[in-house]
Amino acid sequence: MESTKAVYEQKKPYIEEEIITLLEAAGELNGGTTGYATNGPTFRLLLEFMLETGLRVSDAVRFDPGK
């Protein structure tokens, strides 16, 4: 049996205009019934936090600033 090595395609990061558009759209979310989709401003804050700190989604969601 041969092992297979994972190959990842490197993606280009978002340009500044795309980031601004994504953050604006995130702040307007209000159609969900659970989670961050129910509160657009909180979701936008989470995205801004991840952008500034480089945290992954799973780490940012579990982050407790009180600790």
C-alpha atoms as a PDB file:
ATOM      1  CA  MET A   1       0.000   0.000   0.000  1.00  0.00           C
ATOM      2  CA  GLU A   2       1.342   3.425  -0.927  1.00  0.00           C
ATOM      3  CA  SER A   3       0.718   6.507   1.134  1.00  0.00           C
ATOM      4  CA  THR A   4      -0.686   9.527  -0.608  1.00  0.00           C
ATOM      5  CA  LYS A   5       0.649  12.970   0.101  1.00  0.00           C
ATOM      6  CA  ALA A   6      -1.872  15.800   0.379  1.00  0.00           C
ATOM      7  CA  VAL A   7      -1.501  18.509  -2.230  1.00  0.00           C
ATOM      8  CA  TYR A   8      -3.008  21.903  -1.497  1.00  0.00           C
ATOM      9  CA  GLU A   9      -3.713  24.548  -4.083  1.00  0.00           C
ATOM     10  CA  GLN A  10      -2.492  27.913  -2.882  1.00  0.00           C
ATOM     11  CA  LYS A  11      -5.160  30.569  -3.169  1.00  0.00           C
ATOM     12  CA  LYS A  12      -4.698  34.284  -3.562  1.00  0.00           C
ATOM     13  CA  PRO A  13      -5.820  36.372  -0.580  1.00  0.00           C
ATOM     14  CA  TYR A  14      -8.770  38.691  -0.893  1.00  0.00           C
ATOM     15  CA  ILE A  15      -7.990  42.175  -2.123  1.00  0.00           C
ATOM     16  CA  GLU A  16      -8.916  45.177   0.057  1.00  0.00           C
ATOM     17  CA  GLU A  17     -12.104  45.958  -1.896  1.00  0.00           C
ATOM     18  CA  GLU A  18     -13.332  42.369  -1.498  1.00  0.00           C
ATOM     19  CA  ILE A  19     -12.680  42.456   2.244  1.00  0.00           C
ATOM     20  CA  ILE A  20     -14.666  45.680   2.596  1.00  0.00           C
ATOM     21  CA  THR A  21     -17.559  44.160   0.622  1.00  0.00           C
ATOM     22  CA  LEU A  22     -17.521  40.978   2.731  1.00  0.00           C
ATOM     23  CA  LEU A  23     -17.515  42.903   6.004  1.00  0.00           C
ATOM     24  CA  GLU A  24     -20.367  45.156   4.888  1.00  0.00           C
ATOM     25  CA  ALA A  25     -22.459  42.151   3.824  1.00  0.00           C
ATOM     26  CA  ALA A  26     -21.679  40.319   7.076  1.00  0.00           C
ATOM     27  CA  GLY A  27     -22.887  43.296   9.092  1.00  0.00           C
ATOM     28  CA  GLU A  28     -26.259  43.170   7.338  1.00  0.00           C
ATOM     29  CA  LEU A  29     -27.045  39.516   8.057  1.00  0.00           C
ATOM     30  CA  ASN A  30     -30.343  39.094   9.863  1.00  0.00           C
ATOM     31  CA  GLY A  31     -32.144  36.205   8.226  1.00  0.00           C
ATOM     32  CA  GLY A  32     -30.878  33.233  10.157  1.00  0.00           C
ATOM     33  CA  THR A  33     -32.540  31.430  12.997  1.00  0.00           C
ATOM     34  CA  THR A  34     -29.417  30.314  14.864  1.00  0.00           C
ATOM     35  CA  GLY A  35     -25.834  31.333  15.387  1.00  0.00           C
ATOM     36  CA  TYR A  36     -24.112  34.346  13.904  1.00  0.00           C
ATOM     37  CA  ALA A  37     -26.604  34.675  11.028  1.00  0.00           C
ATOM     38  CA  THR A  38     -29.098  36.082  13.520  1.00  0.00           C
ATOM     39  CA  ASN A  39     -26.822  38.989  14.458  1.00  0.00           C
ATOM     40  CA  GLY A  40     -24.949  40.631  11.601  1.00  0.00           C
ATOM     41  CA  PRO A  41     -22.961  43.150  13.665  1.00  0.00           C
ATOM     42  CA  THR A  42     -21.640  40.377  15.921  1.00  0.00           C
ATOM     43  CA  PHE A  43     -20.706  38.271  12.897  1.00  0.00           C
ATOM     44  CA  ARG A  44     -18.873  41.220  11.354  1.00  0.00           C
ATOM     45  CA  LEU A  45     -17.008  41.762  14.622  1.00  0.00           C
ATOM     46  CA  LEU A  46     -15.967  38.100  14.610  1.00  0.00           C
ATOM     47  CA  LEU A  47     -14.657  38.436  11.029  1.00  0.00           C
ATOM     48  CA  GLU A  48     -12.754  41.608  11.907  1.00  0.00           C
ATOM     49  CA  PHE A  49     -11.271  39.850  14.947  1.00  0.00           C
ATOM     50  CA  MET A  50     -10.120  36.920  12.808  1.00  0.00           C
ATOM     51  CA  LEU A  51      -8.693  39.269  10.173  1.00  0.00           C
ATOM     52  CA  GLU A  52      -6.683  41.259  12.712  1.00  0.00           C
ATOM     53  CA  THR A  53      -5.396  38.341  14.773  1.00  0.00           C
ATOM     54  CA  GLY A  54      -5.060  35.619  12.148  1.00  0.00           C
ATOM     55  CA  LEU A  55      -7.125  33.202  14.242  1.00  0.00           C
ATOM     56  CA  ARG A  56      -8.865  30.308  12.552  1.00  0.00           C
ATOM     57  CA  VAL A  57     -12.648  30.150  12.714  1.00  0.00           C
ATOM     58  CA  SER A  58     -12.720  27.384  15.330  1.00  0.00           C
ATOM     59  CA  ASP A  59     -10.270  29.270  17.566  1.00  0.00           C
ATOM     60  CA  ALA A  60     -12.051  32.613  17.168  1.00  0.00           C
ATOM     61  CA  VAL A  61     -15.473  31.157  18.020  1.00  0.00           C
ATOM     62  CA  ARG A  62     -14.102  29.520  21.195  1.00  0.00           C
ATOM     63  CA  PHE A  63     -12.042  32.569  22.241  1.00  0.00           C
ATOM     64  CA  ASP A  64     -12.987  33.872  25.671  1.00  0.00           C
ATOM     65  CA  PRO A  65     -11.591  37.377  26.244  1.00  0.00           C
ATOM     66  CA  GLY A  66     -12.274  36.980  29.965  1.00  0.00           C
ATOM     67  CA  LYS A  67      -9.494  34.414  30.339  1.00  0.00           C
END
